[in-house]
Protein backbone atom coordinates (compact mmCIF):
# COMPACT_ATOMS: atom_id res chain seq x y z
CA UNK A 1 231.62 38.84 153.64
CA UNK A 2 231.10 37.46 157.84
CA UNK A 3 230.11 40.15 159.55
CA UNK A 4 233.17 40.55 162.66
CA UNK A 5 230.03 41.36 164.76
CA UNK A 6 229.99 37.88 166.16
CA UNK A 7 226.46 39.20 167.85
CA UNK A 8 224.95 42.30 169.24
CA UNK A 9 222.00 43.80 171.19
CA UNK A 10 221.09 47.08 171.59
CA UNK A 11 218.64 49.41 172.87
CA UNK A 12 216.75 53.02 170.97
CA UNK A 13 217.38 53.91 167.71
CA UNK A 14 219.07 51.41 165.74
CA UNK A 15 223.18 51.81 166.00
CA UNK A 16 224.71 53.45 163.35
CA UNK A 17 226.11 50.53 162.16
CA UNK A 18 222.69 49.24 161.39
CA UNK A 19 223.89 45.45 163.22
CA UNK A 20 222.21 43.55 166.42
CA UNK A 21 219.33 42.34 167.82
CA UNK A 22 216.74 44.84 169.42
CA UNK A 23 216.02 44.88 172.75
CA UNK A 24 213.40 46.86 175.06
CA UNK A 25 214.74 49.54 177.81
CA UNK A 26 215.14 48.22 181.23
CA UNK A 27 215.69 44.21 180.18
CA UNK A 28 217.70 42.70 182.75
CA UNK A 29 221.69 40.76 182.56
CA UNK A 30 220.20 38.12 181.34
CA UNK A 31 218.44 39.12 178.62
CA UNK A 32 220.81 41.17 177.29
CA UNK A 33 223.35 37.96 177.68
CA UNK A 34 221.68 35.98 175.40
CA UNK A 35 219.95 38.26 172.88
CA UNK A 36 224.49 40.05 172.78
CA UNK A 37 224.95 36.22 172.22
CA UNK A 38 227.29 36.17 175.55
CA UNK A 39 226.53 33.20 177.13
CA UNK A 40 229.21 31.60 176.81
CA UNK A 41 232.36 30.82 178.47
CA UNK A 42 236.03 30.95 176.99
CA UNK A 43 237.51 27.46 178.17
CA UNK A 44 241.05 26.19 177.96
CA UNK A 45 242.97 23.38 177.03
CA UNK A 46 246.84 22.84 176.91
CA UNK A 47 248.35 23.81 174.04
CA UNK A 48 249.98 20.44 171.88
CA UNK A 49 251.75 20.21 168.15
CA UNK A 50 251.86 16.85 165.93
CA UNK A 51 254.93 15.67 164.98
CA UNK A 52 255.95 13.00 162.14
CA UNK A 53 258.31 10.21 163.44
CA UNK A 54 258.77 6.64 162.43
CA UNK A 55 255.89 5.19 164.36
CA UNK A 56 253.70 7.52 162.54
CA UNK A 57 251.63 11.19 164.03
CA UNK A 58 252.74 12.45 167.61
CA UNK A 59 251.31 15.02 169.74
CA UNK A 60 252.99 16.75 172.25
CA UNK A 61 252.62 18.81 174.57
CA UNK A 62 253.93 22.78 174.56
CA UNK A 63 254.52 23.88 178.48
CA UNK A 64 254.68 27.03 177.60
CA UNK A 65 251.44 28.49 176.58
CA UNK A 66 247.25 27.52 176.09
CA UNK A 67 244.63 27.47 173.67
CA UNK A 68 241.95 29.23 174.69
CA UNK A 69 238.26 28.42 172.90
CA UNK A 70 234.14 28.85 172.87
CA UNK A 71 232.09 26.18 175.14
CA UNK A 72 229.13 26.84 173.15
CA UNK A 73 231.11 25.80 169.96
CA UNK A 74 234.15 25.07 170.14
CA UNK A 75 236.17 26.73 168.29
CA UNK A 76 239.33 28.33 169.07
CA UNK A 77 239.52 31.69 169.86
CA UNK A 78 243.76 32.61 170.50
CA UNK A 79 246.81 31.08 172.09
CA UNK A 80 248.41 32.68 174.60
CA UNK A 81 250.68 32.23 177.69
CA UNK A 82 249.72 30.64 180.52
CA UNK A 83 250.23 33.88 182.85
CA UNK A 84 247.02 35.50 180.98
CA UNK A 85 244.06 36.09 182.74
CA UNK A 86 240.60 35.85 181.49
CA UNK A 87 237.76 37.85 181.47
CA UNK A 88 234.43 35.94 180.67
CA UNK A 89 231.90 37.31 178.31
CA UNK A 90 229.50 36.95 181.50
CA UNK A 91 232.00 39.43 183.78
CA UNK A 92 231.89 42.50 181.22
CA UNK A 93 227.59 42.39 182.06
CA UNK A 94 228.06 42.06 185.09
CA UNK A 95 230.49 44.97 185.72
CA UNK A 96 227.24 47.20 185.29
CA UNK A 97 224.50 45.38 187.54
CA UNK A 98 224.92 47.96 190.62
CA UNK A 99 225.10 50.64 188.01
CA UNK A 100 222.06 49.91 186.29
CA UNK A 101 219.83 48.89 189.60
CA UNK A 102 221.26 52.09 191.79
CA UNK A 103 223.79 54.59 189.23
CA UNK A 104 221.07 55.57 186.97
CA UNK A 105 223.13 53.64 183.89
CA UNK A 106 221.54 51.79 181.21
CA UNK A 107 222.62 50.04 178.62
CA UNK A 108 222.78 51.11 175.26
CA UNK A 109 224.35 47.86 173.16
CA UNK A 110 226.54 45.26 173.97
CA UNK A 111 228.19 42.28 171.55
CA UNK A 112 231.03 40.75 170.16
CA UNK A 113 233.37 41.33 167.54
CA UNK A 114 235.93 38.68 165.87
CA UNK A 115 233.49 35.32 166.42
CA UNK A 116 234.41 36.30 170.17
CA UNK A 117 237.97 37.39 170.30
CA UNK A 118 236.30 41.36 171.71
CA UNK A 119 233.65 41.56 173.67
CA UNK A 120 231.93 45.10 175.35
CA UNK A 121 229.36 46.55 176.65
CA UNK A 122 227.95 50.60 176.09
CA UNK A 123 226.02 52.41 178.80
CA UNK A 124 224.56 55.84 179.03
CA UNK A 125 225.85 57.42 182.50
CA UNK A 126 222.58 59.08 182.41
CA UNK A 127 224.93 62.83 182.23
CA UNK A 128 225.19 65.01 179.11
CA UNK A 129 225.31 68.38 178.38
CA UNK A 130 223.80 70.82 176.17
CA UNK A 131 226.08 73.34 173.90
CA UNK A 132 224.32 76.03 171.90
CA UNK A 133 221.91 75.34 168.65
CA UNK A 134 220.90 72.46 170.92
CA UNK A 135 223.50 70.28 170.33
CA UNK A 136 223.88 67.99 173.05
CA UNK A 137 226.16 65.46 173.80
CA UNK A 138 225.89 62.26 176.46
CA UNK A 139 228.41 60.47 178.41
CA UNK A 140 228.55 57.14 178.28
CA UNK A 141 230.76 53.88 179.79
CA UNK A 142 231.91 51.54 177.44
CA UNK A 143 233.85 47.94 178.83
CA UNK A 144 235.73 46.27 176.43
CA UNK A 145 237.46 43.11 176.44
CA UNK A 146 239.20 40.96 174.38
CA UNK A 147 240.82 37.48 174.65
CA UNK A 148 243.30 37.44 172.07
CA UNK A 149 245.97 40.45 173.19
CA UNK A 150 244.89 43.03 170.82
CA UNK A 151 243.04 44.76 174.07
CA UNK A 152 243.57 44.96 177.16
CA UNK A 153 240.64 44.73 179.32
CA UNK A 154 239.52 48.90 178.97
CA UNK A 155 236.40 50.75 181.30
CA UNK A 156 236.96 54.03 179.50
CA UNK A 157 233.98 57.32 179.55
CA UNK A 158 233.34 58.28 175.92
CA UNK A 159 230.78 60.77 174.88
CA UNK A 160 227.79 60.74 172.23
CA UNK A 161 227.47 63.79 170.09
CA UNK A 162 223.46 62.86 169.77
CA UNK A 163 222.45 64.54 166.86
CA UNK A 164 224.90 62.02 164.68
CA UNK A 165 226.12 59.24 166.60
CA UNK A 166 229.76 60.54 166.44
CA UNK A 167 231.00 59.11 169.20
CA UNK A 168 234.99 60.01 170.88
CA UNK A 169 236.87 59.22 173.85
CA UNK A 170 237.28 61.40 176.51
CA UNK A 171 240.25 62.88 177.33
CA UNK A 172 241.61 66.46 178.77
CA UNK A 173 245.42 66.46 178.81
CA UNK A 174 246.88 63.73 180.35
CA UNK A 175 243.23 62.17 181.51
CA UNK A 176 242.17 60.13 179.16
CA UNK A 177 239.11 58.90 181.03
CA UNK A 178 240.26 55.10 180.55
CA UNK A 179 241.01 52.92 183.51
CA UNK A 180 243.36 49.42 181.44
CA UNK A 181 244.35 46.49 183.12
CA UNK A 182 246.72 44.16 181.58
CA UNK A 183 245.70 40.31 181.28
CA UNK A 184 248.47 39.53 183.31
CA UNK A 185 247.11 40.54 186.08
CA UNK A 186 242.69 39.48 187.36
CA UNK A 187 240.26 42.07 186.33
CA UNK A 188 239.43 43.47 189.56
CA UNK A 189 235.74 45.02 188.89
CA UNK A 190 235.13 47.24 191.97
CA UNK A 191 239.23 48.65 191.41
CA UNK A 192 238.59 49.84 188.40
CA UNK A 193 235.04 51.43 189.21
CA UNK A 194 236.58 52.94 191.78
CA UNK A 195 239.67 54.06 189.77
CA UNK A 196 236.36 55.64 187.33
CA UNK A 197 235.32 58.36 189.77
CA UNK A 198 237.69 59.57 188.81
CA UNK A 199 236.41 60.01 185.65
CA UNK A 200 233.84 61.14 186.29
CA UNK A 201 235.84 64.49 187.49
CA UNK A 202 237.24 64.13 184.54
CA UNK A 203 233.80 64.42 182.85
CA UNK A 204 233.19 67.36 184.16
CA UNK A 205 236.52 69.54 182.98
CA UNK A 206 235.78 67.44 179.12
CA UNK A 207 232.56 69.39 178.61
CA UNK A 208 233.87 72.46 179.79
CA UNK A 209 236.86 72.34 177.06
CA UNK A 210 234.28 70.73 174.45
CA UNK A 211 232.24 74.61 175.14
CA UNK A 212 235.55 76.39 174.60
CA UNK A 213 236.31 74.40 171.37
CA UNK A 214 232.57 74.87 170.12
CA UNK A 215 233.00 79.29 171.34
CA UNK A 216 236.47 79.23 169.09
CA UNK A 217 236.21 80.06 165.83
CA UNK A 218 238.23 78.76 163.16
CA UNK A 219 239.16 80.55 160.51
CA UNK A 220 240.16 78.25 156.60
CA UNK A 221 243.90 78.68 156.66
CA UNK A 222 244.14 76.75 160.58
CA UNK A 223 241.31 74.74 159.77
CA UNK A 224 243.16 73.64 156.61
CA UNK A 225 246.38 73.62 158.74
CA UNK A 226 244.39 71.54 161.34
CA UNK A 227 242.94 69.19 158.82
CA UNK A 228 246.27 68.34 157.43
CA UNK A 229 248.05 67.54 161.42
CA UNK A 230 245.52 65.04 161.71
CA UNK A 231 244.55 63.36 158.50
CA UNK A 232 247.81 64.63 156.01
CA UNK A 233 251.50 64.94 156.64
CA UNK A 234 252.75 68.42 157.24
CA UNK A 235 255.78 68.15 156.00
CA UNK A 236 254.69 67.89 152.47
CA UNK A 237 253.06 70.40 151.11
CA UNK A 238 249.23 71.13 151.42
CA UNK A 239 249.37 69.98 147.04
CA UNK A 240 251.43 67.15 147.55
CA UNK A 241 249.08 65.31 150.59
CA UNK A 242 249.19 61.44 150.07
CA UNK A 243 245.82 61.84 151.84
CA UNK A 244 243.92 63.88 149.53
CA UNK A 245 240.58 62.24 149.26
CA UNK A 246 240.27 62.12 153.39
CA UNK A 247 240.96 65.67 153.89
CA UNK A 248 238.59 66.96 151.26
CA UNK A 249 235.96 64.65 152.53
CA UNK A 250 236.72 65.90 155.95
CA UNK A 251 236.37 69.69 154.92
CA UNK A 252 232.98 69.16 152.83
CA UNK A 253 232.01 68.01 156.70
CA UNK A 254 233.74 70.64 158.20
CA UNK A 255 231.45 73.15 155.48
CA UNK A 256 228.18 72.07 156.02
CA UNK A 257 227.27 68.40 154.20
CA UNK A 258 228.19 66.78 158.02
CA UNK A 259 225.36 65.74 160.42
CA UNK A 260 224.95 68.87 162.52
CA UNK A 261 227.69 71.52 160.98
CA UNK A 262 225.05 73.83 160.72
CA UNK A 263 224.45 74.15 164.73
CA UNK A 264 225.81 77.65 165.96
CA UNK A 265 228.40 75.15 168.11
CA UNK A 266 230.20 73.70 164.64
CA UNK A 267 229.89 76.23 161.98
CA UNK A 268 233.21 77.62 161.86
CA UNK A 269 234.38 76.16 165.04
CA UNK A 270 236.69 74.09 166.66
CA UNK A 271 234.14 72.10 167.51
CA UNK A 272 232.84 71.35 164.14
CA UNK A 273 236.40 70.41 162.95
CA UNK A 274 236.64 67.68 165.94
CA UNK A 275 232.81 66.98 164.69
CA UNK A 276 234.24 66.51 161.31
CA UNK A 277 236.77 64.12 161.93
CA UNK A 278 234.84 62.22 163.94
CA UNK A 279 232.14 61.77 161.83
CA UNK A 280 234.25 61.00 158.79
CA UNK A 281 235.88 57.65 160.60
CA UNK A 282 232.75 56.69 162.49
CA UNK A 283 230.57 56.97 159.70
CA UNK A 284 232.37 57.52 156.01
CA UNK A 285 236.01 56.77 156.14
CA UNK A 286 236.91 53.54 153.95
CA UNK A 287 236.01 49.79 155.88
CA UNK A 288 235.60 46.35 154.90
CA UNK A 289 232.57 46.23 156.70
CA UNK A 290 230.61 48.17 158.97
CA UNK A 291 231.48 45.71 161.87
CA UNK A 292 235.62 46.34 161.16
CA UNK A 293 234.74 50.29 161.24
CA UNK A 294 232.60 50.01 164.06
CA UNK A 295 236.18 47.94 165.77
CA UNK A 296 238.64 50.53 164.14
CA UNK A 297 235.99 53.45 165.75
CA UNK A 298 236.56 51.97 169.25
CA UNK A 299 239.42 50.18 168.78
CA UNK A 300 242.26 50.93 166.39
CA UNK A 301 242.92 53.27 164.01
CA UNK A 302 239.67 55.09 163.80
CA UNK A 303 239.97 55.63 167.82
CA UNK A 304 244.06 57.29 167.04
CA UNK A 305 242.68 59.66 164.70
CA UNK A 306 240.27 60.96 166.59
CA UNK A 307 242.16 61.19 169.97
CA UNK A 308 244.61 63.13 167.53
CA UNK A 309 241.28 66.15 166.29
CA UNK A 310 240.33 66.15 169.90
CA UNK A 311 244.38 67.04 170.90
CA UNK A 312 244.78 69.15 168.34
CA UNK A 313 241.37 71.39 168.71
CA UNK A 314 242.27 71.80 172.38
CA UNK A 315 245.47 73.26 171.03
CA UNK A 316 244.48 75.46 168.59
CA UNK A 317 241.48 76.82 171.59
CA UNK A 318 244.57 77.35 174.12
């Protein structure tokens, strides 16, 4: 099966999906651009359609749309309105230049999904927290965009649990730690970084919250109710749940088979429940391929499941 990840580069450990070109740390952005397969531009041209008539085939111009395509392969990417504002692959990496040079950030992964329709870069911020039992959680900043309308240009803070590489989007109450710029608006990296300053304080609140989750012991019936709320249908009896396989898988991860599930921060706690769900989504949930798993875990249904798990756990601990 062809990979949805067109290309990717990474530093340090091999990513959990096992894909990409390894780089030594502290590489310049120009090297990242080449090795991540992002050294091309999104070009645009008028949309045409063909009409057959008495004189043969005729091409007509469609004035309300334009076609986006890759400058290197000329492969089509999408058909969008003329109002659609493109964010170039180089702009995704350029966003991090000053953060890396002066802000203590370090790029760890960058790449292209779905033949260029989605682009992303992920950098470690230098912030982390150590929960009891040696459970380290690090803060990352993800910048992602699309050229097919499926994703606004999004800068979001993401936590990574080091022991298992589980990823979880920052969320505290009404604060998501994410800035979304619709493609009807020109992407302004300076304004986005200014707005993300609020996200840094949200990271501190997020850390306080997961410490509370790591202290909140969970009874067996609470754990099962949590799993049904997140993965099943609370209106249906337990023995009739439509997603039995997923429920059993996550229950097993929570009860000891999950990476880091034996740590005191996770064993029998609300934090352990969250990580059972995130490990299931990131590593075990059925997917067509590892790259489609990545797409789902960061941007799609998997990300939504993880957000529900965090919200349910915080409600449990309230």
